[in-house]
Amino acid sequence: MGLLKKNPFGHYLILKKWLIRIFGVLTHRRYRGFNELQIEGSEIIKNLPGTNVLFVSNHQTYFADVTAMFHVFNASLSGRVDSIKNVGYLWQPKLNIYYVAAKETMKAGLLARIMAYAGAVTVERTWRAKGKEIKREVNPNDTENIGKALRDGWVITFPQGTTKPFKPIRKGTAYIIKQHKPIVIPIVIDGFRRSFDKKGLRIKKRGILQTFQIKEPLEIDYENESVEEIVEKLEYAIEQHPSFLKVIPTEEIEVMEELNEKRRWSYKEPES
């Protein structure tokens, strides 16, 4: 790899490699030490093509979720099965892994901007900005950038666009699937909301079992399935369809709602 080689977004790969290495070492104990990450299905990762793969997942924190994915993906590619033991897998990380993130989030402070360099494809929220509800058209440049990332490698997206559970899937993800026809891999995570603060930077509680399930690729008829049908398929795949609420104990739902209410009053949306 040439020292000055760049990816399609103009980022120097050598700098991106070192950022992934450094952040990987600094965060490793968050998933294997302070808490324990239980992984299932990592053998699926090794059999994927190098490009045009879209990972869809439920969302619990801003940064801890995607950081765990960088760990799991690179560990799996290095031959580890359902394990991130021995952080040596980060020495030669996969450099064409990207993740979709809100533009205002990735501009909120120096740390967020540094993390964005490691692989963020930033988009403008069409429904919310600076803590207020809005309604605006999708920026075509955002959609094109996601397509560019898919052509170059793998993309992680959280189609609900929020860390609150059981919120609707955004249709934009389904449009991207129909347009670019990627292999779609669902991921279901849990325990991150209990382990970390909302940003996913501060460890809130130790000794939490975090779970990370990688599922088989979705079967999608890109030409004939409607956007609505794909949205529903995604809801079931990442276990965020309203029907899943029926199998969650009432006590757990009340705890989630109480936690969301506390966050609503204690968290101030960062300024751009």
C-alpha atoms as a PDB file:
ATOM      1  CA  MET A   1       0.000   0.000   0.000  1.00  0.00           C
ATOM      2  CA  GLY A   2       1.484   3.319  -1.058  1.00  0.00           C
ATOM      3  CA  LEU A   3       1.963   5.885   1.683  1.00  0.00           C
ATOM      4  CA  LEU A   4      -0.148   8.432  -0.192  1.00  0.00           C
ATOM      5  CA  LYS A   5      -2.870   6.096  -1.438  1.00  0.00           C
ATOM      6  CA  LYS A   6      -6.398   7.398  -0.797  1.00  0.00           C
ATOM      7  CA  ASN A   7      -9.873   5.901  -0.726  1.00  0.00           C
ATOM      8  CA  PRO A   8     -12.720   7.298  -2.904  1.00  0.00           C
ATOM      9  CA  PHE A   9     -13.465   9.934  -0.237  1.00  0.00           C
ATOM     10  CA  GLY A  10      -9.958  11.333  -0.295  1.00  0.00           C
ATOM     11  CA  HIS A  11      -8.842   9.816   3.014  1.00  0.00           C
ATOM     12  CA  TYR A  12      -5.261   8.584   3.286  1.00  0.00           C
ATOM     13  CA  LEU A  13      -5.346   4.830   3.892  1.00  0.00           C
ATOM     14  CA  ILE A  14      -2.200   4.803   5.999  1.00  0.00           C
ATOM     15  CA  LEU A  15      -3.762   7.351   8.376  1.00  0.00           C
ATOM     16  CA  LYS A  16      -7.031   5.432   8.462  1.00  0.00           C
ATOM     17  CA  LYS A  17      -5.132   2.224   9.251  1.00  0.00           C
ATOM     18  CA  TRP A  18      -3.387   3.806  12.230  1.00  0.00           C
ATOM     19  CA  LEU A  19      -6.613   5.345  13.514  1.00  0.00           C
ATOM     20  CA  ILE A  20      -8.291   1.925  13.457  1.00  0.00           C
ATOM     21  CA  ARG A  21      -5.300   0.346  15.192  1.00  0.00           C
ATOM     22  CA  ILE A  22      -5.130   2.988  17.919  1.00  0.00           C
ATOM     23  CA  PHE A  23      -8.875   3.187  18.592  1.00  0.00           C
ATOM     24  CA  GLY A  24      -9.079  -0.595  18.439  1.00  0.00           C
ATOM     25  CA  VAL A  25      -6.452  -1.040  21.144  1.00  0.00           C
ATOM     26  CA  LEU A  26      -8.014   1.687  23.304  1.00  0.00           C
ATOM     27  CA  THR A  27     -11.523   0.192  23.085  1.00  0.00           C
ATOM     28  CA  HIS A  28     -10.778  -3.536  23.153  1.00  0.00           C
ATOM     29  CA  ARG A  29     -11.326  -3.974  26.906  1.00  0.00           C
ATOM     30  CA  ARG A  30     -14.783  -2.433  26.594  1.00  0.00           C
ATOM     31  CA  TYR A  31     -15.859  -5.661  24.908  1.00  0.00           C
ATOM     32  CA  ARG A  32     -13.394  -8.115  26.428  1.00  0.00           C
ATOM     33  CA  GLY A  33     -12.537  -7.071  29.940  1.00  0.00           C
ATOM     34  CA  PHE A  34     -14.861  -4.524  31.534  1.00  0.00           C
ATOM     35  CA  ASN A  35     -17.733  -6.269  29.767  1.00  0.00           C
ATOM     36  CA  GLU A  36     -17.963  -9.428  27.682  1.00  0.00           C
ATOM     37  CA  LEU A  37     -19.062  -9.497  24.038  1.00  0.00           C
ATOM     38  CA  GLN A  38     -20.813 -12.733  23.091  1.00  0.00           C
ATOM     39  CA  ILE A  39     -20.637 -13.174  19.308  1.00  0.00           C
ATOM     40  CA  GLU A  40     -22.706 -15.496  17.133  1.00  0.00           C
ATOM     41  CA  GLY A  41     -22.454 -16.124  13.387  1.00  0.00           C
ATOM     42  CA  SER A  42     -19.034 -14.618  12.641  1.00  0.00           C
ATOM     43  CA  GLU A  43     -18.263 -17.382  10.137  1.00  0.00           C
ATOM     44  CA  ILE A  44     -20.653 -15.564   7.771  1.00  0.00           C
ATOM     45  CA  ILE A  45     -18.201 -12.628   7.556  1.00  0.00           C
ATOM     46  CA  LYS A  46     -15.375 -14.676   6.049  1.00  0.00           C
ATOM     47  CA  ASN A  47     -17.514 -15.809   3.118  1.00  0.00           C
ATOM     48  CA  LEU A  48     -18.619 -12.342   2.002  1.00  0.00           C
ATOM     49  CA  PRO A  49     -17.292 -10.590  -1.109  1.00  0.00           C
ATOM     50  CA  GLY A  50     -15.007  -7.609  -0.605  1.00  0.00           C
ATOM     51  CA  THR A  51     -17.506  -5.026  -1.870  1.00  0.00           C
ATOM     52  CA  ASN A  52     -21.222  -4.220  -2.089  1.00  0.00           C
ATOM     53  CA  VAL A  53     -22.173  -5.613   1.310  1.00  0.00           C
ATOM     54  CA  LEU A  54     -24.647  -3.708   3.482  1.00  0.00           C
ATOM     55  CA  PHE A  55     -24.876  -4.490   7.188  1.00  0.00           C
ATOM     56  CA  VAL A  56     -28.147  -3.405   8.813  1.00  0.00           C
ATOM     57  CA  SER A  57     -28.462  -3.309  12.581  1.00  0.00           C
ATOM     58  CA  ASN A  58     -30.523  -2.046  15.469  1.00  0.00           C
ATOM     59  CA  HIS A  59     -28.878   0.872  17.250  1.00  0.00           C
ATOM     60  CA  GLN A  60     -28.162   1.424  20.964  1.00  0.00           C
ATOM     61  CA  THR A  61     -25.355   4.003  21.212  1.00  0.00           C
ATOM     62  CA  TYR A  62     -23.747   6.499  18.840  1.00  0.00           C
ATOM     63  CA  PHE A  63     -20.243   5.017  18.716  1.00  0.00           C
ATOM     64  CA  ALA A  64     -19.929   1.801  20.764  1.00  0.00           C
ATOM     65  CA  ASP A  65     -22.097  -0.216  18.355  1.00  0.00           C
ATOM     66  CA  VAL A  66     -20.058   0.547  15.246  1.00  0.00           C
ATOM     67  CA  THR A  67     -16.766   0.208  17.140  1.00  0.00           C
ATOM     68  CA  ALA A  68     -17.779  -3.324  18.150  1.00  0.00           C
ATOM     69  CA  MET A  69     -18.507  -4.086  14.496  1.00  0.00           C
ATOM     70  CA  PHE A  70     -15.024  -3.001  13.439  1.00  0.00           C
ATOM     71  CA  HIS A  71     -13.636  -5.385  16.071  1.00  0.00           C
ATOM     72  CA  VAL A  72     -15.857  -8.322  15.122  1.00  0.00           C
ATOM     73  CA  PHE A  73     -15.426  -7.940  11.355  1.00  0.00           C
ATOM     74  CA  ASN A  74     -11.647  -7.693  11.493  1.00  0.00           C
ATOM     75  CA  ALA A  75     -11.343 -10.519  14.006  1.00  0.00           C
ATOM     76  CA  SER A  76     -13.541 -12.735  11.823  1.00  0.00           C
ATOM     77  CA  LEU A  77     -11.499 -11.941   8.706  1.00  0.00           C
ATOM     78  CA  SER A  78      -8.375 -12.923  10.653  1.00  0.00           C
ATOM     79  CA  GLY A  79      -9.767 -16.389  11.329  1.00  0.00           C
ATOM     80  CA  ARG A  80     -11.250 -15.961  14.790  1.00  0.00           C
ATOM     81  CA  VAL A  81     -14.602 -17.666  15.263  1.00  0.00           C
ATOM     82  CA  ASP A  82     -17.078 -15.769  17.423  1.00  0.00           C
ATOM     83  CA  SER A  83     -14.187 -14.166  19.312  1.00  0.00           C
ATOM     84  CA  ILE A  84     -12.184 -10.943  19.505  1.00  0.00           C
ATOM     85  CA  LYS A  85      -9.467 -12.518  21.628  1.00  0.00           C
ATOM     86  CA  ASN A  86      -5.984 -11.112  20.995  1.00  0.00           C
ATOM     87  CA  VAL A  87      -6.157  -7.634  19.486  1.00  0.00           C
ATOM     88  CA  GLY A  88      -3.474  -8.525  16.903  1.00  0.00           C
ATOM     89  CA  TYR A  89      -6.208  -8.797  14.249  1.00  0.00           C
ATOM     90  CA  LEU A  90      -6.112  -4.986  14.067  1.00  0.00           C
ATOM     91  CA  TRP A  91      -2.593  -4.878  12.662  1.00  0.00           C
ATOM     92  CA  GLN A  92      -3.911  -5.341   9.109  1.00  0.00           C
ATOM     93  CA  PRO A  93      -7.520  -4.124   9.305  1.00  0.00           C
ATOM     94  CA  LYS A  94      -9.955  -4.068   6.424  1.00  0.00           C
ATOM     95  CA  LEU A  95      -9.755  -0.450   5.300  1.00  0.00           C
ATOM     96  CA  ASN A  96     -12.883  -0.283   3.145  1.00  0.00           C
ATOM     97  CA  ILE A  97     -15.417  -0.609   5.966  1.00  0.00           C
ATOM     98  CA  TYR A  98     -17.711   2.414   6.192  1.00  0.00           C
ATOM     99  CA  TYR A  99     -20.610   3.371   8.432  1.00  0.00           C
ATOM    100  CA  VAL A 100     -23.514   5.757   7.844  1.00  0.00           C
ATOM    101  CA  ALA A 101     -23.764   8.507  10.482  1.00  0.00           C
ATOM    102  CA  ALA A 102     -25.581  11.798  10.990  1.00  0.00           C
ATOM    103  CA  LYS A 103     -23.503  14.722   9.768  1.00  0.00           C
ATOM    104  CA  GLU A 104     -24.211  16.869  12.831  1.00  0.00           C
ATOM    105  CA  THR A 105     -23.134  14.036  15.158  1.00  0.00           C
ATOM    106  CA  MET A 106     -19.811  13.574  13.387  1.00  0.00           C
ATOM    107  CA  LYS A 107     -19.090  17.315  13.541  1.00  0.00           C
ATOM    108  CA  ALA A 108     -19.749  17.558  17.281  1.00  0.00           C
ATOM    109  CA  GLY A 109     -16.227  17.833  18.663  1.00  0.00           C
ATOM    110  CA  LEU A 110     -12.701  16.808  17.757  1.00  0.00           C
ATOM    111  CA  LEU A 111     -13.076  13.163  18.770  1.00  0.00           C
ATOM    112  CA  ALA A 112     -16.125  12.695  16.541  1.00  0.00           C
ATOM    113  CA  ARG A 113     -14.288  14.281  13.602  1.00  0.00           C
ATOM    114  CA  ILE A 114     -11.327  11.945  14.104  1.00  0.00           C
ATOM    115  CA  MET A 115     -13.647   8.933  14.263  1.00  0.00           C
ATOM    116  CA  ALA A 116     -15.357  10.111  11.090  1.00  0.00           C
ATOM    117  CA  TYR A 117     -12.031   9.806   9.255  1.00  0.00           C
ATOM    118  CA  ALA A 118     -11.956   6.123  10.172  1.00  0.00           C
ATOM    119  CA  GLY A 119     -14.927   5.443   7.902  1.00  0.00           C
ATOM    120  CA  ALA A 120     -18.015   7.621   8.361  1.00  0.00           C
ATOM    121  CA  VAL A 121     -20.292   8.340   5.420  1.00  0.00           C
ATOM    122  CA  THR A 122     -22.108  11.363   6.783  1.00  0.00           C
ATOM    123  CA  VAL A 123     -25.689  12.180   5.831  1.00  0.00           C
ATOM    124  CA  GLU A 124     -28.124  14.935   6.711  1.00  0.00           C
ATOM    125  CA  ARG A 125     -31.082  13.782   8.762  1.00  0.00           C
ATOM    126  CA  THR A 126     -34.317  14.464   6.923  1.00  0.00           C
ATOM    127  CA  TRP A 127     -36.459  14.353  10.063  1.00  0.00           C
ATOM    128  CA  ARG A 128     -34.408  15.912  12.859  1.00  0.00           C
ATOM    129  CA  ALA A 129     -31.722  18.589  13.288  1.00  0.00           C
ATOM    130  CA  LYS A 130     -30.249  20.158  16.442  1.00  0.00           C
ATOM    131  CA  GLY A 131     -32.794  18.364  18.608  1.00  0.00           C
ATOM    132  CA  LYS A 132     -35.831  19.639  16.684  1.00  0.00           C
ATOM    133  CA  GLU A 133     -38.249  17.837  14.411  1.00  0.00           C
ATOM    134  CA  ILE A 134     -37.896  18.926  10.773  1.00  0.00           C
ATOM    135  CA  LYS A 135     -38.906  17.744   7.331  1.00  0.00           C
ATOM    136  CA  ARG A 136     -36.592  18.124   4.346  1.00  0.00           C
ATOM    137  CA  GLU A 137     -35.770  16.346   1.133  1.00  0.00           C
ATOM    138  CA  VAL A 138     -33.081  13.669   0.956  1.00  0.00           C
ATOM    139  CA  ASN A 139     -29.772  15.118  -0.186  1.00  0.00           C
ATOM    140  CA  PRO A 140     -28.870  13.238  -3.408  1.00  0.00           C
ATOM    141  CA  ASN A 141     -25.175  13.640  -2.590  1.00  0.00           C
ATOM    142  CA  ASP A 142     -25.718  11.580   0.569  1.00  0.00           C
ATOM    143  CA  THR A 143     -27.276   8.738  -1.400  1.00  0.00           C
ATOM    144  CA  GLU A 144     -24.482   8.854  -3.955  1.00  0.00           C
ATOM    145  CA  ASN A 145     -21.842   8.727  -1.214  1.00  0.00           C
ATOM    146  CA  ILE A 146     -23.412   5.583   0.242  1.00  0.00           C
ATOM    147  CA  GLY A 147     -23.366   4.059  -3.240  1.00  0.00           C
ATOM    148  CA  LYS A 148     -19.714   5.048  -3.603  1.00  0.00           C
ATOM    149  CA  ALA A 149     -18.902   3.347  -0.304  1.00  0.00           C
ATOM    150  CA  LEU A 150     -20.722   0.172  -1.373  1.00  0.00           C
ATOM    151  CA  ARG A 151     -18.783   0.080  -4.632  1.00  0.00           C
ATOM    152  CA  ASP A 152     -15.559   0.351  -2.647  1.00  0.00           C
ATOM    153  CA  GLY A 153     -16.345  -2.025   0.224  1.00  0.00           C
ATOM    154  CA  TRP A 154     -18.709  -2.729   3.110  1.00  0.00           C
ATOM    155  CA  VAL A 155     -21.214  -0.311   4.640  1.00  0.00           C
ATOM    156  CA  ILE A 156     -22.801  -0.435   8.097  1.00  0.00           C
ATOM    157  CA  THR A 157     -26.116   1.344   8.567  1.00  0.00           C
ATOM    158  CA  PHE A 158     -28.644   1.699  11.366  1.00  0.00           C
ATOM    159  CA  PRO A 159     -31.889   2.042   9.387  1.00  0.00           C
ATOM    160  CA  GLN A 160     -33.972   3.318  12.302  1.00  0.00           C
ATOM    161  CA  GLY A 161     -31.776   6.416  12.479  1.00  0.00           C
ATOM    162  CA  THR A 162     -32.114   6.568  16.269  1.00  0.00           C
ATOM    163  CA  THR A 163     -30.918   4.707  19.368  1.00  0.00           C
ATOM    164  CA  LYS A 164     -34.479   4.384  20.683  1.00  0.00           C
ATOM    165  CA  PRO A 165     -35.812   0.824  20.291  1.00  0.00           C
ATOM    166  CA  PHE A 166     -38.710  -0.141  18.032  1.00  0.00           C
ATOM    167  CA  LYS A 167     -38.768   3.071  16.038  1.00  0.00           C
ATOM    168  CA  PRO A 168     -39.766   2.761  12.340  1.00  0.00           C
ATOM    169  CA  ILE A 169     -37.239   1.802   9.694  1.00  0.00           C
ATOM    170  CA  ARG A 170     -36.376   4.725   7.395  1.00  0.00           C
ATOM    171  CA  LYS A 171     -37.400   4.045   3.813  1.00  0.00           C
ATOM    172  CA  GLY A 172     -34.127   5.457   2.517  1.00  0.00           C
ATOM    173  CA  THR A 173     -32.368   2.205   3.375  1.00  0.00           C
ATOM    174  CA  ALA A 174     -34.833   0.232   1.251  1.00  0.00           C
ATOM    175  CA  TYR A 175     -34.317   2.610  -1.703  1.00  0.00           C
ATOM    176  CA  ILE A 176     -30.554   2.121  -1.432  1.00  0.00           C
ATOM    177  CA  ILE A 177     -31.024  -1.661  -1.396  1.00  0.00           C
ATOM    178  CA  LYS A 178     -33.203  -1.570  -4.501  1.00  0.00           C
ATOM    179  CA  GLN A 179     -30.823   0.759  -6.331  1.00  0.00           C
ATOM    180  CA  HIS A 180     -27.450  -0.822  -5.496  1.00  0.00           C
ATOM    181  CA  LYS A 181     -28.528  -4.445  -4.905  1.00  0.00           C
ATOM    182  CA  PRO A 182     -26.041  -5.213  -2.127  1.00  0.00           C
ATOM    183  CA  ILE A 183     -25.806  -8.382  -0.091  1.00  0.00           C
ATOM    184  CA  VAL A 184     -27.733  -7.439   3.058  1.00  0.00           C
ATOM    185  CA  ILE A 185     -26.501  -8.866   6.369  1.00  0.00           C
ATOM    186  CA  PRO A 186     -28.684  -8.267   9.452  1.00  0.00           C
ATOM    187  CA  ILE A 187     -27.060  -7.790  12.856  1.00  0.00           C
ATOM    188  CA  VAL A 188     -28.841  -7.773  16.210  1.00  0.00           C
ATOM    189  CA  ILE A 189     -27.028  -6.308  19.219  1.00  0.00           C
ATOM    190  CA  ASP A 190     -27.967  -6.002  22.862  1.00  0.00           C
ATOM    191  CA  GLY A 191     -26.376  -4.902  26.128  1.00  0.00           C
ATOM    192  CA  PHE A 192     -24.707  -1.779  24.721  1.00  0.00           C
ATOM    193  CA  ARG A 193     -27.403   0.520  26.094  1.00  0.00           C
ATOM    194  CA  ARG A 194     -26.768  -0.869  29.577  1.00  0.00           C
ATOM    195  CA  SER A 195     -22.974  -0.830  29.228  1.00  0.00           C
ATOM    196  CA  PHE A 196     -22.403   2.673  27.856  1.00  0.00           C
ATOM    197  CA  ASP A 197     -23.815   6.163  27.893  1.00  0.00           C
ATOM    198  CA  LYS A 198     -25.853   7.307  24.886  1.00  0.00           C
ATOM    199  CA  LYS A 199     -22.779   8.433  22.942  1.00  0.00           C
ATOM    200  CA  GLY A 200     -21.080   5.110  23.614  1.00  0.00           C
ATOM    201  CA  LEU A 201     -17.931   6.802  24.916  1.00  0.00           C
ATOM    202  CA  ARG A 202     -18.283   6.432  28.685  1.00  0.00           C
ATOM    203  CA  ILE A 203     -18.572   3.056  30.413  1.00  0.00           C
ATOM    204  CA  LYS A 204     -21.728   3.299  32.497  1.00  0.00           C
ATOM    205  CA  LYS A 205     -21.762  -0.169  34.019  1.00  0.00           C
ATOM    206  CA  ARG A 206     -19.334  -3.072  34.096  1.00  0.00           C
ATOM    207  CA  GLY A 207     -19.957  -6.805  34.022  1.00  0.00           C
ATOM    208  CA  ILE A 208     -22.655  -6.562  31.343  1.00  0.00           C
ATOM    209  CA  LEU A 209     -23.071  -9.372  28.814  1.00  0.00           C
ATOM    210  CA  GLN A 210     -23.206  -7.765  25.380  1.00  0.00           C
ATOM    211  CA  THR A 211     -24.591  -9.878  22.539  1.00  0.00           C
ATOM    212  CA  PHE A 212     -23.768  -9.579  18.839  1.00  0.00           C
ATOM    213  CA  GLN A 213     -25.644 -11.829  16.408  1.00  0.00           C
ATOM    214  CA  ILE A 214     -24.760 -11.914  12.703  1.00  0.00           C
ATOM    215  CA  LYS A 215     -27.521 -13.422  10.582  1.00  0.00           C
ATOM    216  CA  GLU A 216     -27.549 -15.030   7.151  1.00  0.00           C
ATOM    217  CA  PRO A 217     -27.946 -12.700   4.127  1.00  0.00           C
ATOM    218  CA  LEU A 218     -31.501 -11.602   3.459  1.00  0.00           C
ATOM    219  CA  GLU A 219     -33.226 -12.993   0.396  1.00  0.00           C
ATOM    220  CA  ILE A 220     -34.435  -9.935  -1.498  1.00  0.00           C
ATOM    221  CA  ASP A 221     -36.061  -9.665  -4.914  1.00  0.00           C
ATOM    222  CA  TYR A 222     -34.494  -6.323  -5.832  1.00  0.00           C
ATOM    223  CA  GLU A 223     -36.664  -5.822  -8.895  1.00  0.00           C
ATOM    224  CA  ASN A 224     -40.077  -6.919  -7.695  1.00  0.00           C
ATOM    225  CA  GLU A 225     -40.252  -6.321  -3.954  1.00  0.00           C
ATOM    226  CA  SER A 226     -41.639  -2.928  -2.979  1.00  0.00           C
ATOM    227  CA  VAL A 227     -39.927  -0.476  -0.663  1.00  0.00           C
ATOM    228  CA  GLU A 228     -42.554  -1.239   1.963  1.00  0.00           C
ATOM    229  CA  GLU A 229     -41.934  -4.994   1.703  1.00  0.00           C
ATOM    230  CA  ILE A 230     -38.185  -4.501   2.107  1.00  0.00           C
ATOM    231  CA  VAL A 231     -38.750  -2.207   5.097  1.00  0.00           C
ATOM    232  CA  GLU A 232     -40.881  -4.869   6.782  1.00  0.00           C
ATOM    233  CA  LYS A 233     -38.265  -7.524   6.015  1.00  0.00           C
ATOM    234  CA  LEU A 234     -35.607  -5.347   7.638  1.00  0.00           C
ATOM    235  CA  GLU A 235     -37.772  -4.775  10.722  1.00  0.00           C
ATOM    236  CA  TYR A 236     -38.099  -8.506  11.282  1.00  0.00           C
ATOM    237  CA  ALA A 237     -34.431  -9.199  10.470  1.00  0.00           C
ATOM    238  CA  ILE A 238     -33.051  -6.780  13.078  1.00  0.00           C
ATOM    239  CA  GLU A 239     -35.871  -7.699  15.493  1.00  0.00           C
ATOM    240  CA  GLN A 240     -37.402  -4.241  15.603  1.00  0.00           C
ATOM    241  CA  HIS A 241     -40.813  -5.063  14.153  1.00  0.00           C
ATOM    242  CA  PRO A 242     -43.657  -4.035  16.525  1.00  0.00           C
ATOM    243  CA  SER A 243     -44.635  -7.698  16.918  1.00  0.00           C
ATOM    244  CA  PHE A 244     -41.437  -8.287  18.933  1.00  0.00           C
ATOM    245  CA  LEU A 245     -42.828  -6.027  21.647  1.00  0.00           C
ATOM    246  CA  LYS A 246     -45.339  -8.749  22.460  1.00  0.00           C
ATOM    247  CA  VAL A 247     -42.596 -11.110  23.617  1.00  0.00           C
ATOM    248  CA  ILE A 248     -40.685  -8.574  25.725  1.00  0.00           C
ATOM    249  CA  PRO A 249     -41.620  -8.551  29.434  1.00  0.00           C
ATOM    250  CA  THR A 250     -43.595  -5.489  30.475  1.00  0.00           C
ATOM    251  CA  GLU A 251     -41.019  -4.730  33.174  1.00  0.00           C
ATOM    252  CA  GLU A 252     -38.237  -4.505  30.578  1.00  0.00           C
ATOM    253  CA  ILE A 253     -40.281  -2.171  28.359  1.00  0.00           C
ATOM    254  CA  GLU A 254     -40.937   0.096  31.353  1.00  0.00           C
ATOM    255  CA  VAL A 255     -37.211   0.200  32.160  1.00  0.00           C
ATOM    256  CA  MET A 256     -36.387   1.142  28.543  1.00  0.00           C
ATOM    257  CA  GLU A 257     -38.985   3.907  28.522  1.00  0.00           C
ATOM    258  CA  GLU A 258     -37.799   5.253  31.880  1.00  0.00           C
ATOM    259  CA  LEU A 259     -34.213   5.308  30.588  1.00  0.00           C
ATOM    260  CA  ASN A 260     -35.249   7.102  27.401  1.00  0.00           C
ATOM    261  CA  GLU A 261     -37.146   9.692  29.437  1.00  0.00           C
ATOM    262  CA  LYS A 262     -34.090  10.365  31.609  1.00  0.00           C
ATOM    263  CA  ARG A 263     -31.948  10.780  28.526  1.00  0.00           C
ATOM    264  CA  ARG A 264     -34.453  13.147  26.974  1.00  0.00           C
ATOM    265  CA  TRP A 265     -34.079  15.555  29.891  1.00  0.00           C
ATOM    266  CA  SER A 266     -30.385  15.030  30.663  1.00  0.00           C
ATOM    267  CA  TYR A 267     -28.906  14.987  27.164  1.00  0.00           C
ATOM    268  CA  LYS A 268     -28.484  18.187  25.190  1.00  0.00           C
ATOM    269  CA  GLU A 269     -28.081  17.759  21.439  1.00  0.00           C
ATOM    270  CA  PRO A 270     -24.618  19.022  20.400  1.00  0.00           C
ATOM    271  CA  GLU A 271     -24.393  22.211  18.403  1.00  0.00           C
ATOM    272  CA  SER A 272     -23.059  21.982  14.857  1.00  0.00           C
END
